[in-house]
């Protein structure tokens, strides 16, 4: 988890926090913003949101298909764990944005350029 301290304006901090909370809707709005801090948080939030949707949809489909077998219960549990992880990552991103730091989400964030 790499963080880089910058000194963004209060308005950009607020917009970056909103990008983490309401992603990907707000991320698309601020993706072309000239400010690098806001663009960084919007991209990180957008890619995390895309990964979450893929995991939720894929996990639910697999859990539904495999629920006729006993291991389907495992996928329902993993979806719950992912939901908790999703909330934690979004809170951490919002906190780092509030502190004025560029935070890179582990694994997913390194794919963002």
PDB file of N, CA and C in Angstrom:
ATOM      1  N   UNK A   1       0.838  -1.170   0.000  1.00  0.00           N
ATOM      2  CA  UNK A   1       0.000   0.000   0.000  1.00  0.00           C
ATOM      3  C   UNK A   1       0.878   1.227   0.000  1.00  0.00           C
ATOM      4  N   UNK A   2       1.028   1.808  -1.140  1.00  0.00           N
ATOM      5  CA  UNK A   2       1.871   2.975  -1.257  1.00  0.00           C
ATOM      6  C   UNK A   2       1.048   4.242  -1.078  1.00  0.00           C
ATOM      7  N   UNK A   3       1.583   5.163  -0.317  1.00  0.00           N
ATOM      8  CA  UNK A   3       0.933   6.450  -0.148  1.00  0.00           C
ATOM      9  C   UNK A   3       1.932   7.537  -0.472  1.00  0.00           C
ATOM     10  N   UNK A   4       1.447   8.597  -1.081  1.00  0.00           N
ATOM     11  CA  UNK A   4       2.262   9.744  -1.395  1.00  0.00           C
ATOM     12  C   UNK A   4       1.544  10.975  -0.875  1.00  0.00           C
ATOM     13  N   UNK A   5       2.204  11.730  -0.033  1.00  0.00           N
ATOM     14  CA  UNK A   5       1.576  12.923   0.548  1.00  0.00           C
ATOM     15  C   UNK A   5       1.630  14.071  -0.451  1.00  0.00           C
ATOM     16  N   UNK A   6       0.512  14.719  -0.642  1.00  0.00           N
ATOM     17  CA  UNK A   6       0.415  15.913  -1.474  1.00  0.00           C
ATOM     18  C   UNK A   6      -0.367  16.955  -0.681  1.00  0.00           C
ATOM     19  N   UNK A   7      -0.515  18.138  -1.241  1.00  0.00           N
ATOM     20  CA  UNK A   7      -1.248  19.191  -0.554  1.00  0.00           C
ATOM     21  C   UNK A   7      -2.412  19.662  -1.428  1.00  0.00           C
ATOM     22  N   UNK A   8      -3.491  18.884  -1.518  1.00  0.00           N
ATOM     23  CA  UNK A   8      -4.627  19.278  -2.353  1.00  0.00           C
ATOM     24  C   UNK A   8      -5.504  20.308  -1.641  1.00  0.00           C
ATOM     25  N   UNK A   9      -6.341  20.962  -2.423  1.00  0.00           N
ATOM     26  CA  UNK A   9      -7.279  21.919  -1.829  1.00  0.00           C
ATOM     27  C   UNK A   9      -8.384  21.174  -1.091  1.00  0.00           C
ATOM     28  N   UNK A  10      -9.088  21.888  -0.253  1.00  0.00           N
ATOM     29  CA  UNK A  10     -10.172  21.290   0.522  1.00  0.00           C
ATOM     30  C   UNK A  10     -11.267  20.757  -0.390  1.00  0.00           C
ATOM     31  N   UNK A  11     -11.550  21.467  -1.465  1.00  0.00           N
ATOM     32  CA  UNK A  11     -12.570  21.030  -2.420  1.00  0.00           C
ATOM     33  C   UNK A  11     -12.162  19.724  -3.098  1.00  0.00           C
ATOM     34  N   UNK A  12     -10.890  19.596  -3.450  1.00  0.00           N
ATOM     35  CA  UNK A  12     -10.424  18.363  -4.087  1.00  0.00           C
ATOM     36  C   UNK A  12     -10.435  17.194  -3.112  1.00  0.00           C
ATOM     37  N   UNK A  13     -10.139  17.456  -1.837  1.00  0.00           N
ATOM     38  CA  UNK A  13     -10.226  16.395  -0.832  1.00  0.00           C
ATOM     39  C   UNK A  13     -11.660  15.890  -0.718  1.00  0.00           C
ATOM     40  N   UNK A  14     -12.603  16.817  -0.682  1.00  0.00           N
ATOM     41  CA  UNK A  14     -14.014  16.434  -0.582  1.00  0.00           C
ATOM     42  C   UNK A  14     -14.454  15.640  -1.796  1.00  0.00           C
ATOM     43  N   UNK A  15     -14.066  16.083  -2.978  1.00  0.00           N
ATOM     44  CA  UNK A  15     -14.424  15.354  -4.192  1.00  0.00           C
ATOM     45  C   UNK A  15     -13.786  13.979  -4.243  1.00  0.00           C
ATOM     46  N   UNK A  16     -12.557  13.848  -3.737  1.00  0.00           N
ATOM     47  CA  UNK A  16     -11.898  12.538  -3.709  1.00  0.00           C
ATOM     48  C   UNK A  16     -12.598  11.608  -2.724  1.00  0.00           C
ATOM     49  N   UNK A  17     -13.041  12.135  -1.593  1.00  0.00           N
ATOM     50  CA  UNK A  17     -13.798  11.320  -0.632  1.00  0.00           C
ATOM     51  C   UNK A  17     -15.098  10.851  -1.268  1.00  0.00           C
ATOM     52  N   UNK A  18     -15.782  11.747  -1.968  1.00  0.00           N
ATOM     53  CA  UNK A  18     -17.024  11.370  -2.648  1.00  0.00           C
ATOM     54  C   UNK A  18     -16.777  10.326  -3.734  1.00  0.00           C
ATOM     55  N   UNK A  19     -15.616  10.407  -4.392  1.00  0.00           N
ATOM     56  CA  UNK A  19     -15.290   9.406  -5.406  1.00  0.00           C
ATOM     57  C   UNK A  19     -15.168   8.020  -4.784  1.00  0.00           C
ATOM     58  N   UNK A  20     -14.667   7.944  -3.561  1.00  0.00           N
ATOM     59  CA  UNK A  20     -14.568   6.641  -2.897  1.00  0.00           C
ATOM     60  C   UNK A  20     -15.924   6.154  -2.408  1.00  0.00           C
ATOM     61  N   UNK A  21     -16.754   7.058  -1.931  1.00  0.00           N
ATOM     62  CA  UNK A  21     -18.032   6.651  -1.358  1.00  0.00           C
ATOM     63  C   UNK A  21     -19.055   6.310  -2.437  1.00  0.00           C
ATOM     64  N   UNK A  22     -19.133   7.109  -3.480  1.00  0.00           N
ATOM     65  CA  UNK A  22     -20.160   6.928  -4.499  1.00  0.00           C
ATOM     66  C   UNK A  22     -19.606   6.420  -5.825  1.00  0.00           C
ATOM     67  N   UNK A  23     -18.541   5.672  -5.805  1.00  0.00           N
ATOM     68  CA  UNK A  23     -17.952   5.156  -7.039  1.00  0.00           C
ATOM     69  C   UNK A  23     -18.888   4.154  -7.670  1.00  0.00           C
ATOM     70  N   UNK A  24     -18.915   3.966  -8.936  1.00  0.00           N
ATOM     71  CA  UNK A  24     -18.134   4.648  -9.971  1.00  0.00           C
ATOM     72  C   UNK A  24     -18.815   5.868 -10.563  1.00  0.00           C
ATOM     73  N   UNK A  25     -19.966   6.248 -10.062  1.00  0.00           N
ATOM     74  CA  UNK A  25     -20.708   7.371 -10.646  1.00  0.00           C
ATOM     75  C   UNK A  25     -19.890   8.656 -10.588  1.00  0.00           C
ATOM     76  N   UNK A  26     -19.422   9.028  -9.415  1.00  0.00           N
ATOM     77  CA  UNK A  26     -18.673  10.271  -9.292  1.00  0.00           C
ATOM     78  C   UNK A  26     -17.286  10.159  -9.908  1.00  0.00           C
ATOM     79  N   UNK A  27     -16.739   8.961  -9.955  1.00  0.00           N
ATOM     80  CA  UNK A  27     -15.409   8.792 -10.546  1.00  0.00           C
ATOM     81  C   UNK A  27     -15.432   9.154 -12.022  1.00  0.00           C
ATOM     82  N   UNK A  28     -16.495   8.787 -12.711  1.00  0.00           N
ATOM     83  CA  UNK A  28     -16.595   9.120 -14.125  1.00  0.00           C
ATOM     84  C   UNK A  28     -16.721  10.623 -14.341  1.00  0.00           C
ATOM     85  N   UNK A  29     -17.340  11.315 -13.389  1.00  0.00           N
ATOM     86  CA  UNK A  29     -17.504  12.758 -13.511  1.00  0.00           C
ATOM     87  C   UNK A  29     -16.151  13.466 -13.415  1.00  0.00           C
ATOM     88  N   UNK A  30     -15.308  13.025 -12.487  1.00  0.00           N
ATOM     89  CA  UNK A  30     -14.042  13.719 -12.238  1.00  0.00           C
ATOM     90  C   UNK A  30     -12.839  13.069 -12.905  1.00  0.00           C
ATOM     91  N   UNK A  31     -13.057  12.104 -13.773  1.00  0.00           N
ATOM     92  CA  UNK A  31     -11.935  11.400 -14.384  1.00  0.00           C
ATOM     93  C   UNK A  31     -11.075  12.339 -15.241  1.00  0.00           C
ATOM     94  N   UNK A  32     -11.666  13.313 -15.883  1.00  0.00           N
ATOM     95  CA  UNK A  32     -10.917  14.206 -16.771  1.00  0.00           C
ATOM     96  C   UNK A  32     -10.542  15.517 -16.092  1.00  0.00           C
ATOM     97  N   UNK A  33     -10.666  15.577 -14.776  1.00  0.00           N
ATOM     98  CA  UNK A  33     -10.301  16.784 -14.038  1.00  0.00           C
ATOM     99  C   UNK A  33      -8.794  17.013 -14.177  1.00  0.00           C
ATOM    100  N   UNK A  34      -8.401  18.284 -14.203  1.00  0.00           N
ATOM    101  CA  UNK A  34      -6.991  18.625 -14.388  1.00  0.00           C
ATOM    102  C   UNK A  34      -6.147  18.322 -13.153  1.00  0.00           C
ATOM    103  N   UNK A  35      -6.769  18.237 -11.972  1.00  0.00           N
ATOM    104  CA  UNK A  35      -6.017  17.999 -10.749  1.00  0.00           C
ATOM    105  C   UNK A  35      -5.584  16.537 -10.647  1.00  0.00           C
ATOM    106  N   UNK A  36      -4.309  16.311 -10.458  1.00  0.00           N
ATOM    107  CA  UNK A  36      -3.756  14.948 -10.420  1.00  0.00           C
ATOM    108  C   UNK A  36      -4.219  14.170  -9.191  1.00  0.00           C
ATOM    109  N   UNK A  37      -4.375  14.837  -8.063  1.00  0.00           N
ATOM    110  CA  UNK A  37      -4.825  14.185  -6.837  1.00  0.00           C
ATOM    111  C   UNK A  37      -6.221  13.605  -6.995  1.00  0.00           C
ATOM    112  N   UNK A  38      -7.126  14.404  -7.504  1.00  0.00           N
ATOM    113  CA  UNK A  38      -8.504  13.962  -7.694  1.00  0.00           C
ATOM    114  C   UNK A  38      -8.588  12.882  -8.765  1.00  0.00           C
ATOM    115  N   UNK A  39      -7.831  13.039  -9.828  1.00  0.00           N
ATOM    116  CA  UNK A  39      -7.822  12.043 -10.896  1.00  0.00           C
ATOM    117  C   UNK A  39      -7.305  10.699 -10.378  1.00  0.00           C
ATOM    118  N   UNK A  40      -6.283  10.736  -9.533  1.00  0.00           N
ATOM    119  CA  UNK A  40      -5.719   9.512  -8.970  1.00  0.00           C
ATOM    120  C   UNK A  40      -6.760   8.762  -8.137  1.00  0.00           C
ATOM    121  N   UNK A  41      -7.431   9.465  -7.229  1.00  0.00           N
ATOM    122  CA  UNK A  41      -8.430   8.814  -6.377  1.00  0.00           C
ATOM    123  C   UNK A  41      -9.643   8.353  -7.174  1.00  0.00           C
ATOM    124  N   UNK A  42     -10.031   9.113  -8.191  1.00  0.00           N
ATOM    125  CA  UNK A  42     -11.168   8.714  -9.024  1.00  0.00           C
ATOM    126  C   UNK A  42     -10.850   7.431  -9.784  1.00  0.00           C
ATOM    127  N   UNK A  43      -9.651   7.325 -10.326  1.00  0.00           N
ATOM    128  CA  UNK A  43      -9.264   6.109 -11.058  1.00  0.00           C
ATOM    129  C   UNK A  43      -9.170   4.909 -10.123  1.00  0.00           C
ATOM    130  N   UNK A  44      -8.549   5.096  -8.959  1.00  0.00           N
ATOM    131  CA  UNK A  44      -8.434   3.988  -8.006  1.00  0.00           C
ATOM    132  C   UNK A  44      -9.816   3.495  -7.587  1.00  0.00           C
ATOM    133  N   UNK A  45     -10.711   4.428  -7.305  1.00  0.00           N
ATOM    134  CA  UNK A  45     -12.058   4.080  -6.885  1.00  0.00           C
ATOM    135  C   UNK A  45     -12.837   3.396  -8.001  1.00  0.00           C
ATOM    136  N   UNK A  46     -12.685   3.890  -9.218  1.00  0.00           N
ATOM    137  CA  UNK A  46     -13.388   3.301 -10.355  1.00  0.00           C
ATOM    138  C   UNK A  46     -12.940   1.864 -10.595  1.00  0.00           C
ATOM    139  N   UNK A  47     -11.655   1.629 -10.596  1.00  0.00           N
ATOM    140  CA  UNK A  47     -11.162   0.267 -10.828  1.00  0.00           C
ATOM    141  C   UNK A  47     -11.529  -0.666  -9.684  1.00  0.00           C
ATOM    142  N   UNK A  48     -11.533  -0.163  -8.454  1.00  0.00           N
ATOM    143  CA  UNK A  48     -11.967  -0.995  -7.336  1.00  0.00           C
ATOM    144  C   UNK A  48     -13.455  -1.323  -7.489  1.00  0.00           C
ATOM    145  N   UNK A  49     -14.252  -0.358  -7.927  1.00  0.00           N
ATOM    146  CA  UNK A  49     -15.674  -0.590  -8.144  1.00  0.00           C
ATOM    147  C   UNK A  49     -15.928  -1.619  -9.236  1.00  0.00           C
ATOM    148  N   UNK A  50     -15.158  -1.558 -10.307  1.00  0.00           N
ATOM    149  CA  UNK A  50     -15.292  -2.542 -11.387  1.00  0.00           C
ATOM    150  C   UNK A  50     -14.936  -3.933 -10.884  1.00  0.00           C
ATOM    151  N   UNK A  51     -13.856  -4.039 -10.132  1.00  0.00           N
ATOM    152  CA  UNK A  51     -13.466  -5.341  -9.579  1.00  0.00           C
ATOM    153  C   UNK A  51     -14.531  -5.869  -8.629  1.00  0.00           C
ATOM    154  N   UNK A  52     -15.126  -4.988  -7.835  1.00  0.00           N
ATOM    155  CA  UNK A  52     -16.174  -5.421  -6.902  1.00  0.00           C
ATOM    156  C   UNK A  52     -17.399  -5.939  -7.641  1.00  0.00           C
ATOM    157  N   UNK A  53     -17.800  -5.261  -8.688  1.00  0.00           N
ATOM    158  CA  UNK A  53     -18.962  -5.721  -9.467  1.00  0.00           C
ATOM    159  C   UNK A  53     -18.684  -7.084 -10.080  1.00  0.00           C
ATOM    160  N   UNK A  54     -17.488  -7.276 -10.600  1.00  0.00           N
ATOM    161  CA  UNK A  54     -17.128  -8.565 -11.193  1.00  0.00           C
ATOM    162  C   UNK A  54     -17.173  -9.668 -10.139  1.00  0.00           C
ATOM    163  N   UNK A  55     -16.627  -9.393  -8.968  1.00  0.00           N
ATOM    164  CA  UNK A  55     -16.623 -10.401  -7.897  1.00  0.00           C
ATOM    165  C   UNK A  55     -18.044 -10.689  -7.424  1.00  0.00           C
ATOM    166  N   UNK A  56     -18.862  -9.640  -7.235  1.00  0.00           N
ATOM    167  CA  UNK A  56     -20.235  -9.852  -6.772  1.00  0.00           C
ATOM    168  C   UNK A  56     -21.053 -10.657  -7.779  1.00  0.00           C
ATOM    169  N   UNK A  57     -20.997 -10.283  -9.047  1.00  0.00           N
ATOM    170  CA  UNK A  57     -21.782 -10.984 -10.066  1.00  0.00           C
ATOM    171  C   UNK A  57     -21.271 -12.406 -10.246  1.00  0.00           C
ATOM    172  N   UNK A  58     -19.964 -12.551 -10.407  1.00  0.00           N
ATOM    173  CA  UNK A  58     -19.394 -13.884 -10.581  1.00  0.00           C
ATOM    174  C   UNK A  58     -19.614 -14.780  -9.376  1.00  0.00           C
ATOM    175  N   UNK A  59     -19.453 -14.227  -8.203  1.00  0.00           N
ATOM    176  CA  UNK A  59     -19.660 -15.007  -6.983  1.00  0.00           C
ATOM    177  C   UNK A  59     -21.103 -15.429  -6.813  1.00  0.00           C
ATOM    178  N   UNK A  60     -22.033 -14.532  -7.116  1.00  0.00           N
ATOM    179  CA  UNK A  60     -23.444 -14.887  -6.998  1.00  0.00           C
ATOM    180  C   UNK A  60     -23.858 -15.942  -8.016  1.00  0.00           C
ATOM    181  N   UNK A  61     -23.352 -15.830  -9.234  1.00  0.00           N
ATOM    182  CA  UNK A  61     -23.664 -16.841 -10.252  1.00  0.00           C
ATOM    183  C   UNK A  61     -23.106 -18.192  -9.838  1.00  0.00           C
ATOM    184  N   UNK A  62     -21.839 -18.214  -9.410  1.00  0.00           N
ATOM    185  CA  UNK A  62     -21.245 -19.482  -8.966  1.00  0.00           C
ATOM    186  C   UNK A  62     -21.954 -20.039  -7.739  1.00  0.00           C
ATOM    187  N   UNK A  63     -22.296 -19.170  -6.806  1.00  0.00           N
ATOM    188  CA  UNK A  63     -22.985 -19.635  -5.603  1.00  0.00           C
ATOM    189  C   UNK A  63     -24.355 -20.208  -5.944  1.00  0.00           C
ATOM    190  N   UNK A  64     -25.058 -19.578  -6.882  1.00  0.00           N
ATOM    191  CA  UNK A  64     -26.367 -20.084  -7.268  1.00  0.00           C
ATOM    192  C   UNK A  64     -26.247 -21.430  -7.966  1.00  0.00           C
ATOM    193  N   UNK A  65     -25.301 -21.531  -8.882  1.00  0.00           N
ATOM    194  CA  UNK A  65     -25.125 -22.789  -9.614  1.00  0.00           C
ATOM    195  C   UNK A  65     -24.673 -23.897  -8.676  1.00  0.00           C
ATOM    196  N   UNK A  66     -23.737 -23.571  -7.794  1.00  0.00           N
ATOM    197  CA  UNK A  66     -23.175 -24.591  -6.917  1.00  0.00           C
ATOM    198  C   UNK A  66     -23.967 -24.787  -5.630  1.00  0.00           C
ATOM    199  N   UNK A  67     -25.051 -24.033  -5.466  1.00  0.00           N
ATOM    200  CA  UNK A  67     -25.825 -24.194  -4.239  1.00  0.00           C
ATOM    201  C   UNK A  67     -26.560 -25.527  -4.197  1.00  0.00           C
ATOM    202  N   UNK A  68     -26.667 -26.151  -5.340  1.00  0.00           N
ATOM    203  CA  UNK A  68     -27.278 -27.475  -5.375  1.00  0.00           C
ATOM    204  C   UNK A  68     -26.312 -28.539  -4.871  1.00  0.00           C
ATOM    205  N   UNK A  69     -25.042 -28.150  -4.798  1.00  0.00           N
ATOM    206  CA  UNK A  69     -24.008 -28.996  -4.216  1.00  0.00           C
ATOM    207  C   UNK A  69     -23.626 -28.325  -2.895  1.00  0.00           C
ATOM    208  N   UNK A  70     -23.042 -29.012  -2.006  1.00  0.00           N
ATOM    209  CA  UNK A  70     -22.735 -28.446  -0.691  1.00  0.00           C
ATOM    210  C   UNK A  70     -21.732 -27.304  -0.716  1.00  0.00           C
ATOM    211  N   UNK A  71     -20.871 -27.237  -1.740  1.00  0.00           N
ATOM    212  CA  UNK A  71     -19.847 -26.194  -1.731  1.00  0.00           C
ATOM    213  C   UNK A  71     -20.402 -24.824  -2.122  1.00  0.00           C
ATOM    214  N   UNK A  72     -21.661 -24.754  -2.531  1.00  0.00           N
ATOM    215  CA  UNK A  72     -22.262 -23.461  -2.846  1.00  0.00           C
ATOM    216  C   UNK A  72     -22.290 -22.544  -1.643  1.00  0.00           C
ATOM    217  N   UNK A  73     -22.438 -23.111  -0.467  1.00  0.00           N
ATOM    218  CA  UNK A  73     -22.446 -22.321   0.773  1.00  0.00           C
ATOM    219  C   UNK A  73     -21.133 -21.570   0.947  1.00  0.00           C
ATOM    220  N   UNK A  74     -20.035 -22.170   0.509  1.00  0.00           N
ATOM    221  CA  UNK A  74     -18.730 -21.527   0.612  1.00  0.00           C
ATOM    222  C   UNK A  74     -18.692 -20.232  -0.196  1.00  0.00           C
ATOM    223  N   UNK A  75     -19.276 -20.239  -1.392  1.00  0.00           N
ATOM    224  CA  UNK A  75     -19.279 -19.034  -2.215  1.00  0.00           C
ATOM    225  C   UNK A  75     -20.136 -17.939  -1.598  1.00  0.00           C
ATOM    226  N   UNK A  76     -21.255 -18.306  -0.954  1.00  0.00           N
ATOM    227  CA  UNK A  76     -22.063 -17.291  -0.276  1.00  0.00           C
ATOM    228  C   UNK A  76     -21.254 -16.653   0.855  1.00  0.00           C
ATOM    229  N   UNK A  77     -20.459 -17.440   1.559  1.00  0.00           N
ATOM    230  CA  UNK A  77     -19.613 -16.904   2.631  1.00  0.00           C
ATOM    231  C   UNK A  77     -18.528 -15.986   2.067  1.00  0.00           C
ATOM    232  N   UNK A  78     -17.941 -16.378   0.932  1.00  0.00           N
ATOM    233  CA  UNK A  78     -16.901 -15.557   0.321  1.00  0.00           C
ATOM    234  C   UNK A  78     -17.447 -14.221  -0.171  1.00  0.00           C
ATOM    235  N   UNK A  79     -18.692 -14.222  -0.639  1.00  0.00           N
ATOM    236  CA  UNK A  79     -19.313 -12.965  -1.060  1.00  0.00           C
ATOM    237  C   UNK A  79     -19.476 -12.040   0.146  1.00  0.00           C
ATOM    238  N   UNK A  80     -19.831 -12.589   1.280  1.00  0.00           N
ATOM    239  CA  UNK A  80     -19.942 -11.790   2.504  1.00  0.00           C
ATOM    240  C   UNK A  80     -18.601 -11.224   2.934  1.00  0.00           C
ATOM    241  N   UNK A  81     -17.560 -12.025   2.821  1.00  0.00           N
ATOM    242  CA  UNK A  81     -16.210 -11.556   3.162  1.00  0.00           C
ATOM    243  C   UNK A  81     -15.798 -10.438   2.210  1.00  0.00           C
ATOM    244  N   UNK A  82     -16.118 -10.599   0.917  1.00  0.00           N
ATOM    245  CA  UNK A  82     -15.770  -9.561  -0.060  1.00  0.00           C
ATOM    246  C   UNK A  82     -16.520  -8.262   0.245  1.00  0.00           C
ATOM    247  N   UNK A  83     -17.775  -8.368   0.678  1.00  0.00           N
ATOM    248  CA  UNK A  83     -18.553  -7.178   1.009  1.00  0.00           C
ATOM    249  C   UNK A  83     -17.898  -6.407   2.155  1.00  0.00           C
ATOM    250  N   UNK A  84     -17.412  -7.114   3.144  1.00  0.00           N
ATOM    251  CA  UNK A  84     -16.714  -6.463   4.259  1.00  0.00           C
ATOM    252  C   UNK A  84     -15.412  -5.832   3.772  1.00  0.00           C
ATOM    253  N   UNK A  85     -14.666  -6.543   2.931  1.00  0.00           N
ATOM    254  CA  UNK A  85     -13.432  -6.008   2.364  1.00  0.00           C
ATOM    255  C   UNK A  85     -13.707  -4.769   1.527  1.00  0.00           C
ATOM    256  N   UNK A  86     -14.784  -4.783   0.777  1.00  0.00           N
ATOM    257  CA  UNK A  86     -15.163  -3.639  -0.053  1.00  0.00           C
ATOM    258  C   UNK A  86     -15.404  -2.405   0.811  1.00  0.00           C
ATOM    259  N   UNK A  87     -16.116  -2.572   1.896  1.00  0.00           N
ATOM    260  CA  UNK A  87     -16.387  -1.451   2.797  1.00  0.00           C
ATOM    261  C   UNK A  87     -15.092  -0.932   3.418  1.00  0.00           C
ATOM    262  N   UNK A  88     -14.228  -1.837   3.844  1.00  0.00           N
ATOM    263  CA  UNK A  88     -12.957  -1.439   4.473  1.00  0.00           C
ATOM    264  C   UNK A  88     -12.077  -0.671   3.488  1.00  0.00           C
ATOM    265  N   UNK A  89     -11.975  -1.149   2.248  1.00  0.00           N
ATOM    266  CA  UNK A  89     -11.137  -0.472   1.257  1.00  0.00           C
ATOM    267  C   UNK A  89     -11.693   0.908   0.938  1.00  0.00           C
ATOM    268  N   UNK A  90     -12.999   1.027   0.814  1.00  0.00           N
ATOM    269  CA  UNK A  90     -13.593   2.337   0.537  1.00  0.00           C
ATOM    270  C   UNK A  90     -13.369   3.316   1.689  1.00  0.00           C
ATOM    271  N   UNK A  91     -13.470   2.846   2.926  1.00  0.00           N
ATOM    272  CA  UNK A  91     -13.206   3.712   4.080  1.00  0.00           C
ATOM    273  C   UNK A  91     -11.742   4.125   4.112  1.00  0.00           C
ATOM    274  N   UNK A  92     -10.839   3.174   3.851  1.00  0.00           N
ATOM    275  CA  UNK A  92      -9.414   3.507   3.847  1.00  0.00           C
ATOM    276  C   UNK A  92      -9.098   4.521   2.747  1.00  0.00           C
ATOM    277  N   UNK A  93      -9.691   4.353   1.564  1.00  0.00           N
ATOM    278  CA  UNK A  93      -9.476   5.306   0.482  1.00  0.00           C
ATOM    279  C   UNK A  93      -9.988   6.692   0.834  1.00  0.00           C
ATOM    280  N   UNK A  94     -11.163   6.745   1.458  1.00  0.00           N
ATOM    281  CA  UNK A  94     -11.719   8.043   1.854  1.00  0.00           C
ATOM    282  C   UNK A  94     -10.862   8.708   2.936  1.00  0.00           C
ATOM    283  N   UNK A  95     -10.361   7.922   3.879  1.00  0.00           N
ATOM    284  CA  UNK A  95      -9.505   8.480   4.930  1.00  0.00           C
ATOM    285  C   UNK A  95      -8.206   9.010   4.343  1.00  0.00           C
ATOM    286  N   UNK A  96      -7.592   8.253   3.446  1.00  0.00           N
ATOM    287  CA  UNK A  96      -6.341   8.704   2.814  1.00  0.00           C
ATOM    288  C   UNK A  96      -6.581   9.950   1.975  1.00  0.00           C
ATOM    289  N   UNK A  97      -7.731  10.018   1.297  1.00  0.00           N
ATOM    290  CA  UNK A  97      -8.061  11.221   0.521  1.00  0.00           C
ATOM    291  C   UNK A  97      -8.236  12.409   1.445  1.00  0.00           C
ATOM    292  N   UNK A  98      -8.850  12.201   2.586  1.00  0.00           N
ATOM    293  CA  UNK A  98      -9.031  13.282   3.555  1.00  0.00           C
ATOM    294  C   UNK A  98      -7.699  13.759   4.127  1.00  0.00           C
ATOM    295  N   UNK A  99      -6.746  12.853   4.246  1.00  0.00           N
ATOM    296  CA  UNK A  99      -5.422  13.215   4.759  1.00  0.00           C
ATOM    297  C   UNK A  99      -4.541  13.842   3.683  1.00  0.00           C
ATOM    298  N   UNK A 100      -5.028  13.857   2.437  1.00  0.00           N
ATOM    299  CA  UNK A 100      -4.261  14.453   1.345  1.00  0.00           C
ATOM    300  C   UNK A 100      -3.206  13.540   0.780  1.00  0.00           C
ATOM    301  N   UNK A 101      -3.376  12.244   0.907  1.00  0.00           N
ATOM    302  CA  UNK A 101      -2.401  11.284   0.411  1.00  0.00           C
ATOM    303  C   UNK A 101      -2.947  10.555  -0.810  1.00  0.00           C
ATOM    304  N   UNK A 102      -2.050  10.238  -1.735  1.00  0.00           N
ATOM    305  CA  UNK A 102      -2.421   9.398  -2.868  1.00  0.00           C
ATOM    306  C   UNK A 102      -2.236   7.955  -2.426  1.00  0.00           C
ATOM    307  N   UNK A 103      -3.325   7.225  -2.297  1.00  0.00           N
ATOM    308  CA  UNK A 103      -3.280   5.856  -1.814  1.00  0.00           C
ATOM    309  C   UNK A 103      -3.538   4.907  -2.962  1.00  0.00           C
ATOM    310  N   UNK A 104      -2.716   3.879  -3.072  1.00  0.00           N
ATOM    311  CA  UNK A 104      -2.865   2.871  -4.115  1.00  0.00           C
ATOM    312  C   UNK A 104      -3.482   1.630  -3.486  1.00  0.00           C
ATOM    313  N   UNK A 105      -4.601   1.195  -4.035  1.00  0.00           N
ATOM    314  CA  UNK A 105      -5.276   0.004  -3.537  1.00  0.00           C
ATOM    315  C   UNK A 105      -4.391  -1.208  -3.808  1.00  0.00           C
ATOM    316  N   UNK A 106      -4.186  -2.082  -2.832  1.00  0.00           N
ATOM    317  CA  UNK A 106      -3.365  -3.270  -3.075  1.00  0.00           C
ATOM    318  C   UNK A 106      -3.937  -4.118  -4.202  1.00  0.00           C
ATOM    319  N   UNK A 107      -3.088  -4.684  -4.999  1.00  0.00           N
ATOM    320  CA  UNK A 107      -3.370  -5.574  -6.128  1.00  0.00           C
ATOM    321  C   UNK A 107      -4.062  -4.830  -7.264  1.00  0.00           C
ATOM    322  N   UNK A 108      -5.262  -4.341  -7.055  1.00  0.00           N
ATOM    323  CA  UNK A 108      -6.020  -3.674  -8.118  1.00  0.00           C
ATOM    324  C   UNK A 108      -5.374  -2.342  -8.507  1.00  0.00           C
ATOM    325  N   UNK A 109      -4.934  -1.588  -7.544  1.00  0.00           N
ATOM    326  CA  UNK A 109      -4.394  -0.248  -7.793  1.00  0.00           C
ATOM    327  C   UNK A 109      -3.150  -0.216  -8.640  1.00  0.00           C
ATOM    328  N   UNK A 110      -2.385  -1.284  -8.640  1.00  0.00           N
ATOM    329  CA  UNK A 110      -1.155  -1.312  -9.431  1.00  0.00           C
ATOM    330  C   UNK A 110      -1.443  -1.466 -10.919  1.00  0.00           C
ATOM    331  N   UNK A 111      -2.674  -1.870 -11.263  1.00  0.00           N
ATOM    332  CA  UNK A 111      -3.053  -1.997 -12.667  1.00  0.00           C
ATOM    333  C   UNK A 111      -3.481  -0.660 -13.268  1.00  0.00           C
ATOM    334  N   UNK A 112      -3.762   0.321 -12.414  1.00  0.00           N
ATOM    335  CA  UNK A 112      -4.230   1.627 -12.859  1.00  0.00           C
ATOM    336  C   UNK A 112      -3.032   2.464 -13.272  1.00  0.00           C
ATOM    337  N   UNK A 113      -3.140   3.098 -14.407  1.00  0.00           N
ATOM    338  CA  UNK A 113      -2.051   3.970 -14.867  1.00  0.00           C
ATOM    339  C   UNK A 113      -2.513   5.378 -14.966  1.00  0.00           C
TER     340      UNK A 113
END
